[in-house]
Every structure is written in structure tokens, then in C-alpha cells.
Amino acid sequence: GIQQVEDQENLAREARIRSAYLDWSKKYEKEPDESRFKTFSQNFLVMENYAKETGKDMNLNKYADLTEEEYNRMVSGGDSPSTPEQLPLDKKPTEPAVDEPVVEYQDVTKDLEAVEDVKDVVKAADEETAVKKAEIKAKADEKADATEKARLEAAEQIKAKADEKADAAQKARLEAAEAQRARRAAAIEYNSLSEKAQKEANEKDRKERQAAQEKSREDIKKDNEASVIEAEIKREEKEAAQKARAQDLKKQADEIARREAREAEAKLARLNPDPPEKEKSDDFISNLFSEALKSLPKVEEKKSPPKAKKKKSIGNKVFYSPPKAKK
């Protein structure tokens, strides 16, 4: 993020200062020294800010890698510096005494005849400095462009990753919502099917129980009808047998009575040759007949239950409905 961009800017600034230090060392035929680079870097930034504030070109002399104390010790035995470039970095005047900058320290006060040569040297140095500055600026701009490009690419990558993550999260939320809707629909359908199946099962069970109950009632009804029919048949058979027996007994009694009447009549005829009157004879016969009947065993007559109403016939079997009970 921001820290990465600041680090890249610091690296670009250090690379720009180091490039200027190498060029400065080559110009003044000095061996690059890492222990002197820190002082050069500080002086370079001070002069760069001074040039920006005053609108003047920045020129570094051969003392740019010295601190203020080192510079003062070096010049304490000679002439005082008279130009802004020869003064210590924090002692420079706000307005230089002359408009033309001096790139390096020259002891022009000892050789007035070399002023023109110094001007030429200054001009050449200015031109070379301008070229160097253009090169440094181009490199710095290139690095800045690269830094900005890298920053934009990094921001774009971060944004792309964030968008991708947001899209994935949105997709996951939509899929989760769709899955939840599908589960709810399945649950509703399952409950509906279960309720329908339960209703069908209950209806089927109800019909089966109803059919079983109807069959049971029908079977009971048939059993009752069969029992009634069987009892009626037995009663009728018993009644018919009793009637037949009573008739047989009556026939036997009549036969016995007639036989005894004949025997009695024959006996009387033998005892009394005169025939009695007819009325007396008839009364006598009737009495004998009554006595004969009394001597016979009595047949108990049971009251017949009401006859069952004929219902229907299937084949050779006849079914009767049970008689109604008397109130």
C-alpha cells in the first residue's frame, strides 16, 4: 500500500543521489567512499532545496562531501570563501553577490588573468551540469514512472483480487441462498407428499376397517340367520314329529277304543241276549272311548313360535328372516 510506495520513492531518491555522487566523484577524480556518501547525500538535499527556493541552478563544488566542521578546519589557514558555493551549506546568503554561479572553488583572487578562463570553465560546467541534470531528471522521471506504474499495477492487482474476492463472496451468498430456497421447496414438497400419503393411508385404513366391520356384521347376520333358520327347521321338524306321533297315538287309541268297544259289546251281547237301546249303547261306547283316551300317555303340546318370514332361496336352501319379538 502506501508504505510500499514510500519505500519505492526512497529507493528512487537514493538511487538519484548515488548517481550524482558517482558523477561528482568522477568529475573531481575522487574515489567513491561509502563513509562520505552520507555527508554528500545530506549536502546534496540541502543544495537541492536551496535551488528550488531561489530558482537557481544547483552546483556542487569539490567540498560537497565535507561537513561544516571539516570545511572550516580546511579553510582556517587560507582565504575566506567569498562565493555561495564556497560557504558552508547552512551559511549561504539568501541572495548571492553575483548572478553567475560558480561550480567549484577557484582561487581567482590570486590570478586575475584567469577570470575569463574560469568563466569558460563555469559555462562548460553549467552545460555539463544541465546535461547531467537532464539525464538525472530523465532517469528520475523514468524511475518515478516505473514506481507509479508499479504502484498502479499493484493497486490494480489489489483491486482485482478484492473484486474477485467480492465476486466469489457474492457468488457463494447467491449459491447459499439458492440452496436454501431449494431445501425449503424440497421440504414443502416432502411435507405436501407426506401429508397426501398420510391422508391416502388413513382413507385406505378407514375403508379397510369399514369393509371389515361390514363383513363382520354381514357374517354375524348370516350366522344369526343360519342359526335362526336351523332352529326353525329343528322346531318345525320336532313339531312335525310330535304331530305325527300324536296322530299315530290317536290312531292307536281309536283302534284300541274300537277294539275294546267291540270286545265290550260282544261281551255284553253274550251276557245280555236282549240288545240295549241304541242311545245307551252309544253312550256306553263313548264312555269307553273316553276312558281309553285317558289311559293313553299325554303328549305335551308346546306353543309354536311365530313362523319366520320367508326371505329368499338360493339353490335348494331357503333362508328366513328372524321373527320379530313381541312387545
C-alpha atoms as a PDB file:
ATOM      1  CA  GLY A   1       0.000   0.000   0.000  1.00  0.00           C
ATOM      2  CA  ILE A   2       1.237   3.498   0.966  1.00  0.00           C
ATOM      3  CA  GLN A   3       4.280   2.152   2.817  1.00  0.00           C
ATOM      4  CA  GLN A   4       5.336   0.251  -0.302  1.00  0.00           C
ATOM      5  CA  VAL A   5       5.034   3.389  -2.421  1.00  0.00           C
ATOM      6  CA  GLU A   6       7.072   5.424   0.115  1.00  0.00           C
ATOM      7  CA  ASP A   7       9.761   2.741   0.161  1.00  0.00           C
ATOM      8  CA  GLN A   8       9.936   2.817  -3.610  1.00  0.00           C
ATOM      9  CA  GLU A   9      10.205   6.640  -3.576  1.00  0.00           C
ATOM     10  CA  ASN A  10      13.036   6.480  -1.010  1.00  0.00           C
ATOM     11  CA  LEU A  11      14.855   3.957  -3.158  1.00  0.00           C
ATOM     12  CA  ALA A  12      14.407   6.163  -6.208  1.00  0.00           C
ATOM     13  CA  ARG A  13      15.733   9.229  -4.321  1.00  0.00           C
ATOM     14  CA  GLU A  14      18.746   7.289  -3.007  1.00  0.00           C
ATOM     15  CA  ALA A  15      19.485   5.977  -6.499  1.00  0.00           C
ATOM     16  CA  ARG A  16      19.308   9.527  -7.893  1.00  0.00           C
ATOM     17  CA  ILE A  17      21.688  10.905  -5.193  1.00  0.00           C
ATOM     18  CA  ARG A  18      24.063   7.954  -5.602  1.00  0.00           C
ATOM     19  CA  SER A  19      24.191   8.539  -9.357  1.00  0.00           C
ATOM     20  CA  ALA A  20      25.012  12.228  -8.712  1.00  0.00           C
ATOM     21  CA  TYR A  21      27.701  11.179  -6.188  1.00  0.00           C
ATOM     22  CA  LEU A  22      29.367   8.872  -8.719  1.00  0.00           C
ATOM     23  CA  ASP A  23      29.349  11.602 -11.346  1.00  0.00           C
ATOM     24  CA  TRP A  24      30.722  14.109  -8.784  1.00  0.00           C
ATOM     25  CA  SER A  25      33.491  11.684  -7.739  1.00  0.00           C
ATOM     26  CA  LYS A  26      34.466  11.107 -11.376  1.00  0.00           C
ATOM     27  CA  LYS A  27      34.449  14.825 -12.087  1.00  0.00           C
ATOM     28  CA  TYR A  28      36.787  15.681  -9.203  1.00  0.00           C
ATOM     29  CA  GLU A  29      38.797  12.471  -9.565  1.00  0.00           C
ATOM     30  CA  LYS A  30      37.843  11.175  -6.153  1.00  0.00           C
ATOM     31  CA  GLU A  31      37.457   7.571  -5.128  1.00  0.00           C
ATOM     32  CA  PRO A  32      33.812   6.865  -4.095  1.00  0.00           C
ATOM     33  CA  ASP A  33      33.735   6.348  -0.343  1.00  0.00           C
ATOM     34  CA  GLU A  34      30.643   4.921   1.289  1.00  0.00           C
ATOM     35  CA  SER A  35      31.548   6.621   4.589  1.00  0.00           C
ATOM     36  CA  ARG A  36      31.498  10.045   2.797  1.00  0.00           C
ATOM     37  CA  PHE A  37      28.272   9.280   0.850  1.00  0.00           C
ATOM     38  CA  LYS A  38      26.034  10.072   3.824  1.00  0.00           C
ATOM     39  CA  THR A  39      27.512  13.587   4.190  1.00  0.00           C
ATOM     40  CA  PHE A  40      27.312  14.104   0.418  1.00  0.00           C
ATOM     41  CA  SER A  41      23.668  12.997   0.443  1.00  0.00           C
ATOM     42  CA  GLN A  42      22.780  15.487   3.203  1.00  0.00           C
ATOM     43  CA  ASN A  43      24.598  18.359   1.423  1.00  0.00           C
ATOM     44  CA  PHE A  44      23.002  17.370  -1.881  1.00  0.00           C
ATOM     45  CA  LEU A  45      19.473  17.546  -0.443  1.00  0.00           C
ATOM     46  CA  VAL A  46      20.206  20.939   1.222  1.00  0.00           C
ATOM     47  CA  MET A  47      21.521  22.395  -2.034  1.00  0.00           C
ATOM     48  CA  GLU A  48      18.590  20.870  -3.939  1.00  0.00           C
ATOM     49  CA  ASN A  49      16.086  22.572  -1.614  1.00  0.00           C
ATOM     50  CA  TYR A  50      18.074  25.829  -1.816  1.00  0.00           C
ATOM     51  CA  ALA A  51      17.970  25.712  -5.612  1.00  0.00           C
ATOM     52  CA  LYS A  52      14.216  25.089  -5.582  1.00  0.00           C
ATOM     53  CA  GLU A  53      13.613  28.013  -3.203  1.00  0.00           C
ATOM     54  CA  THR A  54      15.811  30.529  -5.072  1.00  0.00           C
ATOM     55  CA  GLY A  55      15.203  29.299  -8.586  1.00  0.00           C
ATOM     56  CA  LYS A  56      18.974  28.988  -9.137  1.00  0.00           C
ATOM     57  CA  ASP A  57      20.778  26.053 -10.646  1.00  0.00           C
ATOM     58  CA  MET A  58      22.356  23.683  -8.164  1.00  0.00           C
ATOM     59  CA  ASN A  59      26.113  23.391  -8.459  1.00  0.00           C
ATOM     60  CA  LEU A  60      28.292  21.232  -6.218  1.00  0.00           C
ATOM     61  CA  ASN A  61      31.999  22.020  -5.733  1.00  0.00           C
ATOM     62  CA  LYS A  62      34.706  19.606  -4.685  1.00  0.00           C
ATOM     63  CA  TYR A  63      33.879  20.179  -0.987  1.00  0.00           C
ATOM     64  CA  ALA A  64      30.371  18.664  -1.236  1.00  0.00           C
ATOM     65  CA  ASP A  65      31.371  15.578   0.798  1.00  0.00           C
ATOM     66  CA  LEU A  66      32.667  17.662   3.771  1.00  0.00           C
ATOM     67  CA  THR A  67      30.771  18.615   6.895  1.00  0.00           C
ATOM     68  CA  GLU A  68      30.756  22.223   8.112  1.00  0.00           C
ATOM     69  CA  GLU A  69      33.407  21.478  10.761  1.00  0.00           C
ATOM     70  CA  GLU A  70      35.650  19.715   8.238  1.00  0.00           C
ATOM     71  CA  TYR A  71      35.301  22.578   5.793  1.00  0.00           C
ATOM     72  CA  ASN A  72      36.098  25.181   8.476  1.00  0.00           C
ATOM     73  CA  ARG A  73      39.217  23.290   9.566  1.00  0.00           C
ATOM     74  CA  MET A  74      40.351  23.008   5.963  1.00  0.00           C
ATOM     75  CA  VAL A  75      39.982  26.710   5.145  1.00  0.00           C
ATOM     76  CA  SER A  76      41.056  28.081   8.555  1.00  0.00           C
ATOM     77  CA  GLY A  77      44.604  28.677   7.333  1.00  0.00           C
ATOM     78  CA  GLY A  78      43.701  30.286   3.955  1.00  0.00           C
ATOM     79  CA  ASP A  79      41.446  32.970   2.491  1.00  0.00           C
ATOM     80  CA  SER A  80      37.796  33.039   3.458  1.00  0.00           C
ATOM     81  CA  PRO A  81      35.394  31.775   0.811  1.00  0.00           C
ATOM     82  CA  SER A  82      33.626  34.582  -0.948  1.00  0.00           C
ATOM     83  CA  THR A  83      31.055  32.783  -3.118  1.00  0.00           C
ATOM     84  CA  PRO A  84      27.874  30.930  -2.061  1.00  0.00           C
ATOM     85  CA  GLU A  85      29.313  27.634  -3.266  1.00  0.00           C
ATOM     86  CA  GLN A  86      32.433  28.096  -1.138  1.00  0.00           C
ATOM     87  CA  LEU A  87      30.476  28.892   2.053  1.00  0.00           C
ATOM     88  CA  PRO A  88      29.321  26.185   4.424  1.00  0.00           C
ATOM     89  CA  LEU A  89      25.962  24.725   3.447  1.00  0.00           C
ATOM     90  CA  ASP A  90      23.976  26.361   6.282  1.00  0.00           C
ATOM     91  CA  LYS A  91      25.779  29.753   5.999  1.00  0.00           C
ATOM     92  CA  LYS A  92      24.816  30.614   2.435  1.00  0.00           C
ATOM     93  CA  PRO A  93      23.240  34.092   1.869  1.00  0.00           C
ATOM     94  CA  THR A  94      19.728  34.331   0.581  1.00  0.00           C
ATOM     95  CA  GLU A  95      20.928  36.360  -2.374  1.00  0.00           C
ATOM     96  CA  PRO A  96      24.388  35.639  -3.853  1.00  0.00           C
ATOM     97  CA  ALA A  97      26.750  38.584  -4.531  1.00  0.00           C
ATOM     98  CA  VAL A  98      26.963  37.758  -8.248  1.00  0.00           C
ATOM     99  CA  ASP A  99      24.376  36.291 -10.606  1.00  0.00           C
ATOM    100  CA  GLU A 100      26.748  33.857 -12.266  1.00  0.00           C
ATOM    101  CA  PRO A 101      27.114  30.684 -10.225  1.00  0.00           C
ATOM    102  CA  VAL A 102      30.494  29.215  -9.535  1.00  0.00           C
ATOM    103  CA  VAL A 103      30.607  25.455  -9.710  1.00  0.00           C
ATOM    104  CA  GLU A 104      33.863  24.779  -7.936  1.00  0.00           C
ATOM    105  CA  TYR A 105      36.191  26.626  -5.670  1.00  0.00           C
ATOM    106  CA  GLN A 106      38.765  28.651  -7.613  1.00  0.00           C
ATOM    107  CA  ASP A 107      41.324  30.989  -6.088  1.00  0.00           C
ATOM    108  CA  VAL A 108      40.570  33.696  -8.659  1.00  0.00           C
ATOM    109  CA  THR A 109      41.818  36.436  -6.325  1.00  0.00           C
ATOM    110  CA  LYS A 110      45.424  35.209  -6.867  1.00  0.00           C
ATOM    111  CA  ASP A 111      45.218  35.057 -10.614  1.00  0.00           C
ATOM    112  CA  LEU A 112      43.052  37.830 -12.097  1.00  0.00           C
ATOM    113  CA  GLU A 113      44.221  36.936 -15.548  1.00  0.00           C
ATOM    114  CA  ALA A 114      42.438  33.585 -15.343  1.00  0.00           C
ATOM    115  CA  VAL A 115      38.961  35.112 -14.847  1.00  0.00           C
ATOM    116  CA  GLU A 116      37.971  34.636 -18.467  1.00  0.00           C
ATOM    117  CA  ASP A 117      39.148  31.049 -18.393  1.00  0.00           C
ATOM    118  CA  VAL A 118      37.163  30.493 -15.222  1.00  0.00           C
ATOM    119  CA  LYS A 119      34.057  31.866 -16.908  1.00  0.00           C
ATOM    120  CA  ASP A 120      34.538  29.439 -19.767  1.00  0.00           C
ATOM    121  CA  VAL A 121      35.026  26.624 -17.333  1.00  0.00           C
ATOM    122  CA  VAL A 122      31.923  27.693 -15.417  1.00  0.00           C
ATOM    123  CA  LYS A 123      29.936  27.831 -18.631  1.00  0.00           C
ATOM    124  CA  ALA A 124      31.119  24.397 -19.690  1.00  0.00           C
ATOM    125  CA  ALA A 125      30.421  23.118 -16.216  1.00  0.00           C
ATOM    126  CA  ASP A 126      26.954  24.639 -16.337  1.00  0.00           C
ATOM    127  CA  GLU A 127      26.310  22.980 -19.677  1.00  0.00           C
ATOM    128  CA  GLU A 128      27.624  19.693 -18.429  1.00  0.00           C
ATOM    129  CA  THR A 129      25.590  20.117 -15.256  1.00  0.00           C
ATOM    130  CA  ALA A 130      22.489  20.868 -17.303  1.00  0.00           C
ATOM    131  CA  VAL A 131      23.080  17.722 -19.335  1.00  0.00           C
ATOM    132  CA  LYS A 132      23.696  15.736 -16.183  1.00  0.00           C
ATOM    133  CA  LYS A 133      20.595  17.224 -14.597  1.00  0.00           C
ATOM    134  CA  ALA A 134      18.561  16.360 -17.686  1.00  0.00           C
ATOM    135  CA  GLU A 135      19.902  12.816 -17.584  1.00  0.00           C
ATOM    136  CA  ILE A 136      19.271  12.563 -13.855  1.00  0.00           C
ATOM    137  CA  LYS A 137      15.814  14.056 -14.293  1.00  0.00           C
ATOM    138  CA  ALA A 138      15.071  11.646 -17.115  1.00  0.00           C
ATOM    139  CA  LYS A 139      16.263   8.732 -15.000  1.00  0.00           C
ATOM    140  CA  ALA A 140      14.354  10.032 -12.014  1.00  0.00           C
ATOM    141  CA  ASP A 141      11.240  10.512 -14.144  1.00  0.00           C
ATOM    142  CA  GLU A 142      11.693   7.064 -15.597  1.00  0.00           C
ATOM    143  CA  LYS A 143      12.064   5.606 -12.134  1.00  0.00           C
ATOM    144  CA  ALA A 144       9.143   7.678 -10.923  1.00  0.00           C
ATOM    145  CA  ASP A 145       7.097   6.479 -13.878  1.00  0.00           C
ATOM    146  CA  ALA A 146       8.166   2.926 -13.147  1.00  0.00           C
ATOM    147  CA  THR A 147       7.317   3.446  -9.492  1.00  0.00           C
ATOM    148  CA  GLU A 148       3.948   4.947 -10.371  1.00  0.00           C
ATOM    149  CA  LYS A 149       3.340   2.165 -12.862  1.00  0.00           C
ATOM    150  CA  ALA A 150       4.274  -0.422 -10.260  1.00  0.00           C
ATOM    151  CA  ARG A 151       2.053   1.335  -7.729  1.00  0.00           C
ATOM    152  CA  LEU A 152      -0.832   1.424 -10.204  1.00  0.00           C
ATOM    153  CA  GLU A 153      -0.253  -2.203 -11.164  1.00  0.00           C
ATOM    154  CA  ALA A 154      -0.112  -3.185  -7.507  1.00  0.00           C
ATOM    155  CA  ALA A 155      -3.274  -1.181  -6.804  1.00  0.00           C
ATOM    156  CA  GLU A 156      -4.926  -2.746  -9.834  1.00  0.00           C
ATOM    157  CA  GLN A 157      -3.900  -6.214  -8.689  1.00  0.00           C
ATOM    158  CA  ILE A 158      -5.165  -5.481  -5.186  1.00  0.00           C
ATOM    159  CA  LYS A 159      -8.403  -4.130  -6.625  1.00  0.00           C
ATOM    160  CA  ALA A 160      -8.711  -7.132  -8.967  1.00  0.00           C
ATOM    161  CA  LYS A 161      -8.143  -9.517  -6.062  1.00  0.00           C
ATOM    162  CA  ALA A 162     -10.619  -7.604  -3.925  1.00  0.00           C
ATOM    163  CA  ASP A 163     -13.169  -7.635  -6.768  1.00  0.00           C
ATOM    164  CA  GLU A 164     -12.541 -11.323  -7.347  1.00  0.00           C
ATOM    165  CA  LYS A 165     -12.950 -11.998  -3.637  1.00  0.00           C
ATOM    166  CA  ALA A 166     -16.125  -9.890  -3.533  1.00  0.00           C
ATOM    167  CA  ASP A 167     -17.472 -11.700  -6.616  1.00  0.00           C
ATOM    168  CA  ALA A 168     -16.645 -15.051  -5.045  1.00  0.00           C
ATOM    169  CA  ALA A 169     -18.336 -13.999  -1.804  1.00  0.00           C
ATOM    170  CA  GLN A 170     -21.388 -12.742  -3.702  1.00  0.00           C
ATOM    171  CA  LYS A 171     -21.494 -15.941  -5.727  1.00  0.00           C
ATOM    172  CA  ALA A 172     -21.203 -18.002  -2.550  1.00  0.00           C
ATOM    173  CA  ARG A 173     -24.035 -15.992  -0.953  1.00  0.00           C
ATOM    174  CA  LEU A 174     -26.222 -16.463  -4.032  1.00  0.00           C
ATOM    175  CA  GLU A 175     -25.458 -20.184  -4.156  1.00  0.00           C
ATOM    176  CA  ALA A 176     -26.199 -20.487  -0.436  1.00  0.00           C
ATOM    177  CA  ALA A 177     -29.479 -18.598  -0.874  1.00  0.00           C
ATOM    178  CA  GLU A 178     -30.401 -20.782  -3.866  1.00  0.00           C
ATOM    179  CA  ALA A 179     -29.535 -23.931  -1.933  1.00  0.00           C
ATOM    180  CA  GLN A 180     -31.645 -22.719   0.990  1.00  0.00           C
ATOM    181  CA  ARG A 181     -34.576 -21.997  -1.345  1.00  0.00           C
ATOM    182  CA  ALA A 182     -34.171 -25.454  -2.890  1.00  0.00           C
ATOM    183  CA  ARG A 183     -34.135 -27.064   0.578  1.00  0.00           C
ATOM    184  CA  ARG A 184     -37.245 -25.137   1.578  1.00  0.00           C
ATOM    185  CA  ALA A 185     -39.016 -26.122  -1.652  1.00  0.00           C
ATOM    186  CA  ALA A 186     -37.992 -29.757  -1.145  1.00  0.00           C
ATOM    187  CA  ALA A 187     -39.191 -29.640   2.452  1.00  0.00           C
ATOM    188  CA  ILE A 188     -42.524 -28.126   1.390  1.00  0.00           C
ATOM    189  CA  GLU A 189     -42.915 -30.729  -1.357  1.00  0.00           C
ATOM    190  CA  TYR A 190     -41.943 -33.516   1.031  1.00  0.00           C
ATOM    191  CA  ASN A 191     -44.406 -32.288   3.636  1.00  0.00           C
ATOM    192  CA  SER A 192     -47.108 -31.997   0.973  1.00  0.00           C
ATOM    193  CA  LEU A 193     -46.401 -35.501  -0.319  1.00  0.00           C
ATOM    194  CA  SER A 194     -46.203 -36.845   3.209  1.00  0.00           C
ATOM    195  CA  GLU A 195     -49.500 -35.199   4.130  1.00  0.00           C
ATOM    196  CA  LYS A 196     -51.119 -36.529   0.961  1.00  0.00           C
ATOM    197  CA  ALA A 197     -49.699 -40.010   1.536  1.00  0.00           C
ATOM    198  CA  GLN A 198     -50.869 -39.879   5.146  1.00  0.00           C
ATOM    199  CA  LYS A 199     -54.362 -38.867   4.065  1.00  0.00           C
ATOM    200  CA  GLU A 200     -54.428 -41.648   1.469  1.00  0.00           C
ATOM    201  CA  ALA A 201     -53.164 -44.167   4.048  1.00  0.00           C
ATOM    202  CA  ASN A 202     -55.755 -43.001   6.585  1.00  0.00           C
ATOM    203  CA  GLU A 203     -58.517 -43.193   3.981  1.00  0.00           C
ATOM    204  CA  LYS A 204     -57.377 -46.655   2.917  1.00  0.00           C
ATOM    205  CA  ASP A 205     -57.222 -47.802   6.537  1.00  0.00           C
ATOM    206  CA  ARG A 206     -60.678 -46.333   7.192  1.00  0.00           C
ATOM    207  CA  LYS A 207     -62.115 -48.109   4.162  1.00  0.00           C
ATOM    208  CA  GLU A 208     -60.465 -51.382   5.165  1.00  0.00           C
ATOM    209  CA  ARG A 209     -61.803 -51.089   8.727  1.00  0.00           C
ATOM    210  CA  GLN A 210     -65.225 -50.187   7.391  1.00  0.00           C
ATOM    211  CA  ALA A 211     -65.159 -53.128   4.982  1.00  0.00           C
ATOM    212  CA  ALA A 212     -64.007 -55.438   7.763  1.00  0.00           C
ATOM    213  CA  GLN A 213     -66.770 -54.159  10.039  1.00  0.00           C
ATOM    214  CA  GLU A 214     -69.365 -54.574   7.301  1.00  0.00           C
ATOM    215  CA  LYS A 215     -68.082 -58.058   6.555  1.00  0.00           C
ATOM    216  CA  SER A 216     -68.129 -58.874  10.273  1.00  0.00           C
ATOM    217  CA  ARG A 217     -71.688 -57.604  10.580  1.00  0.00           C
ATOM    218  CA  GLU A 218     -72.641 -59.495   7.441  1.00  0.00           C
ATOM    219  CA  ASP A 219     -71.028 -62.656   8.785  1.00  0.00           C
ATOM    220  CA  ILE A 220     -72.761 -62.186  12.132  1.00  0.00           C
ATOM    221  CA  LYS A 221     -76.006 -61.548  10.325  1.00  0.00           C
ATOM    222  CA  LYS A 222     -75.526 -64.633   8.212  1.00  0.00           C
ATOM    223  CA  ASP A 223     -74.602 -66.679  11.276  1.00  0.00           C
ATOM    224  CA  ASN A 224     -77.674 -65.370  13.100  1.00  0.00           C
ATOM    225  CA  GLU A 225     -79.878 -66.070  10.111  1.00  0.00           C
ATOM    226  CA  ALA A 226     -78.382 -69.536   9.749  1.00  0.00           C
ATOM    227  CA  SER A 227     -78.893 -70.183  13.476  1.00  0.00           C
ATOM    228  CA  VAL A 228     -82.476 -68.935  13.293  1.00  0.00           C
ATOM    229  CA  ILE A 229     -83.122 -70.958  10.176  1.00  0.00           C
ATOM    230  CA  GLU A 230     -81.558 -74.034  11.716  1.00  0.00           C
ATOM    231  CA  ALA A 231     -83.558 -73.556  14.940  1.00  0.00           C
ATOM    232  CA  GLU A 232     -86.750 -73.015  12.924  1.00  0.00           C
ATOM    233  CA  ILE A 233     -86.083 -76.096  10.865  1.00  0.00           C
ATOM    234  CA  LYS A 234     -85.431 -78.130  14.003  1.00  0.00           C
ATOM    235  CA  ARG A 235     -88.549 -76.719  15.654  1.00  0.00           C
ATOM    236  CA  GLU A 236     -90.665 -77.487  12.604  1.00  0.00           C
ATOM    237  CA  GLU A 237     -89.149 -80.974  12.348  1.00  0.00           C
ATOM    238  CA  LYS A 238     -89.791 -81.522  16.037  1.00  0.00           C
ATOM    239  CA  GLU A 239     -93.309 -80.169  15.760  1.00  0.00           C
ATOM    240  CA  ALA A 240     -93.961 -82.330  12.704  1.00  0.00           C
ATOM    241  CA  ALA A 241     -92.593 -85.364  14.539  1.00  0.00           C
ATOM    242  CA  GLN A 242     -94.783 -84.563  17.560  1.00  0.00           C
ATOM    243  CA  LYS A 243     -97.825 -84.122  15.330  1.00  0.00           C
ATOM    244  CA  ALA A 244     -97.070 -87.371  13.546  1.00  0.00           C
ATOM    245  CA  ARG A 245     -96.624 -89.123  16.868  1.00  0.00           C
ATOM    246  CA  ALA A 246     -99.845 -87.601  18.206  1.00  0.00           C
ATOM    247  CA  GLN A 247    -101.650 -88.745  15.096  1.00  0.00           C
ATOM    248  CA  ASP A 248    -100.176 -92.217  15.435  1.00  0.00           C
ATOM    249  CA  LEU A 249    -101.123 -92.287  19.087  1.00  0.00           C
ATOM    250  CA  LYS A 250    -104.596 -91.052  18.246  1.00  0.00           C
ATOM    251  CA  LYS A 251    -104.932 -93.727  15.600  1.00  0.00           C
ATOM    252  CA  GLN A 252    -103.723 -96.344  18.045  1.00  0.00           C
ATOM    253  CA  ALA A 253    -106.133 -95.021  20.681  1.00  0.00           C
ATOM    254  CA  ASP A 254    -109.007 -95.046  18.209  1.00  0.00           C
ATOM    255  CA  GLU A 255    -108.122 -98.549  17.162  1.00  0.00           C
ATOM    256  CA  ILE A 256    -107.816 -99.680  20.781  1.00  0.00           C
ATOM    257  CA  ALA A 257    -111.079 -97.950  21.666  1.00  0.00           C
ATOM    258  CA  ARG A 258    -112.896 -99.547  18.742  1.00  0.00           C
ATOM    259  CA  ARG A 259    -111.416-102.912  19.561  1.00  0.00           C
ATOM    260  CA  GLU A 260    -112.321-102.647  23.228  1.00  0.00           C
ATOM    261  CA  ALA A 261    -115.757-101.338  22.265  1.00  0.00           C
ATOM    262  CA  ARG A 262    -116.275-104.317  20.064  1.00  0.00           C
ATOM    263  CA  GLU A 263    -114.993-106.628  22.742  1.00  0.00           C
ATOM    264  CA  ALA A 264    -117.227-104.990  25.345  1.00  0.00           C
ATOM    265  CA  GLU A 265    -120.166-105.079  23.026  1.00  0.00           C
ATOM    266  CA  ALA A 266    -119.547-108.736  22.289  1.00  0.00           C
ATOM    267  CA  LYS A 267    -119.180-109.405  26.000  1.00  0.00           C
ATOM    268  CA  LEU A 268    -122.439-107.612  26.768  1.00  0.00           C
ATOM    269  CA  ALA A 269    -124.123-109.433  23.976  1.00  0.00           C
ATOM    270  CA  ARG A 270    -123.046-112.657  25.494  1.00  0.00           C
ATOM    271  CA  LEU A 271    -124.176-111.563  28.923  1.00  0.00           C
ATOM    272  CA  ASN A 272    -127.425-109.929  27.801  1.00  0.00           C
ATOM    273  CA  PRO A 273    -129.019-111.516  24.866  1.00  0.00           C
ATOM    274  CA  ASP A 274    -131.504-108.619  24.627  1.00  0.00           C
ATOM    275  CA  PRO A 275    -129.889-105.747  22.794  1.00  0.00           C
ATOM    276  CA  PRO A 276    -129.946-102.483  24.757  1.00  0.00           C
ATOM    277  CA  GLU A 277    -131.271 -99.340  23.410  1.00  0.00           C
ATOM    278  CA  LYS A 278    -129.216 -97.659  20.839  1.00  0.00           C
ATOM    279  CA  GLU A 279    -128.774 -94.446  22.832  1.00  0.00           C
ATOM    280  CA  LYS A 280    -127.487 -96.357  25.831  1.00  0.00           C
ATOM    281  CA  SER A 281    -125.194 -98.346  23.607  1.00  0.00           C
ATOM    282  CA  ASP A 282    -123.810 -95.188  22.050  1.00  0.00           C
ATOM    283  CA  ASP A 283    -123.244 -93.554  25.430  1.00  0.00           C
ATOM    284  CA  PHE A 284    -121.529 -96.642  26.621  1.00  0.00           C
ATOM    285  CA  ILE A 285    -119.250 -96.721  23.623  1.00  0.00           C
ATOM    286  CA  SER A 286    -118.452 -93.025  24.059  1.00  0.00           C
ATOM    287  CA  ASN A 287    -117.614 -93.543  27.688  1.00  0.00           C
ATOM    288  CA  LEU A 288    -115.409 -96.448  26.841  1.00  0.00           C
ATOM    289  CA  PHE A 289    -113.692 -94.388  24.188  1.00  0.00           C
ATOM    290  CA  SER A 290    -113.115 -91.525  26.630  1.00  0.00           C
ATOM    291  CA  GLU A 291    -111.688 -93.894  29.194  1.00  0.00           C
ATOM    292  CA  ALA A 292    -109.411 -95.371  26.555  1.00  0.00           C
ATOM    293  CA  LEU A 293    -108.153 -91.912  25.629  1.00  0.00           C
ATOM    294  CA  LYS A 294    -107.487 -91.094  29.245  1.00  0.00           C
ATOM    295  CA  SER A 295    -105.409 -94.208  29.607  1.00  0.00           C
ATOM    296  CA  LEU A 296    -103.111 -93.142  26.750  1.00  0.00           C
ATOM    297  CA  PRO A 297     -99.897 -91.173  27.582  1.00  0.00           C
ATOM    298  CA  LYS A 298    -100.346 -87.466  27.232  1.00  0.00           C
ATOM    299  CA  VAL A 299     -98.327 -85.588  24.547  1.00  0.00           C
ATOM    300  CA  GLU A 300     -97.270 -82.148  25.679  1.00  0.00           C
ATOM    301  CA  GLU A 301     -98.061 -79.557  23.112  1.00  0.00           C
ATOM    302  CA  LYS A 302     -95.694 -76.621  23.064  1.00  0.00           C
ATOM    303  CA  LYS A 303     -96.622 -73.254  21.784  1.00  0.00           C
ATOM    304  CA  SER A 304     -95.136 -72.769  18.395  1.00  0.00           C
ATOM    305  CA  PRO A 305     -93.046 -69.573  17.987  1.00  0.00           C
ATOM    306  CA  PRO A 306     -94.091 -67.261  15.251  1.00  0.00           C
ATOM    307  CA  LYS A 307     -93.043 -68.544  11.924  1.00  0.00           C
ATOM    308  CA  ALA A 308     -90.046 -66.840  10.266  1.00  0.00           C
ATOM    309  CA  LYS A 309     -90.864 -64.809   7.248  1.00  0.00           C
ATOM    310  CA  LYS A 310     -89.562 -66.357   4.107  1.00  0.00           C
ATOM    311  CA  LYS A 311     -86.774 -64.178   2.680  1.00  0.00           C
ATOM    312  CA  LYS A 312     -85.208 -65.769  -0.354  1.00  0.00           C
ATOM    313  CA  SER A 313     -83.961 -69.058  -1.694  1.00  0.00           C
ATOM    314  CA  ILE A 314     -80.519 -69.832  -3.144  1.00  0.00           C
ATOM    315  CA  GLY A 315     -80.405 -73.172  -4.888  1.00  0.00           C
ATOM    316  CA  ASN A 316     -82.054 -75.753  -2.704  1.00  0.00           C
ATOM    317  CA  LYS A 317     -81.563 -73.734   0.511  1.00  0.00           C
ATOM    318  CA  VAL A 318     -84.251 -71.463   1.834  1.00  0.00           C
ATOM    319  CA  PHE A 319     -83.332 -68.635   4.186  1.00  0.00           C
ATOM    320  CA  TYR A 320     -85.730 -66.988   6.641  1.00  0.00           C
ATOM    321  CA  SER A 321     -85.542 -63.694   8.375  1.00  0.00           C
ATOM    322  CA  PRO A 322     -85.765 -63.968  12.176  1.00  0.00           C
ATOM    323  CA  PRO A 323     -89.201 -63.339  13.678  1.00  0.00           C
ATOM    324  CA  LYS A 324     -89.905 -60.056  15.399  1.00  0.00           C
ATOM    325  CA  ALA A 325     -90.008 -60.197  19.139  1.00  0.00           C
ATOM    326  CA  LYS A 326     -93.393 -59.455  20.748  1.00  0.00           C
ATOM    327  CA  LYS A 327     -93.584 -56.239  22.744  1.00  0.00           C
END
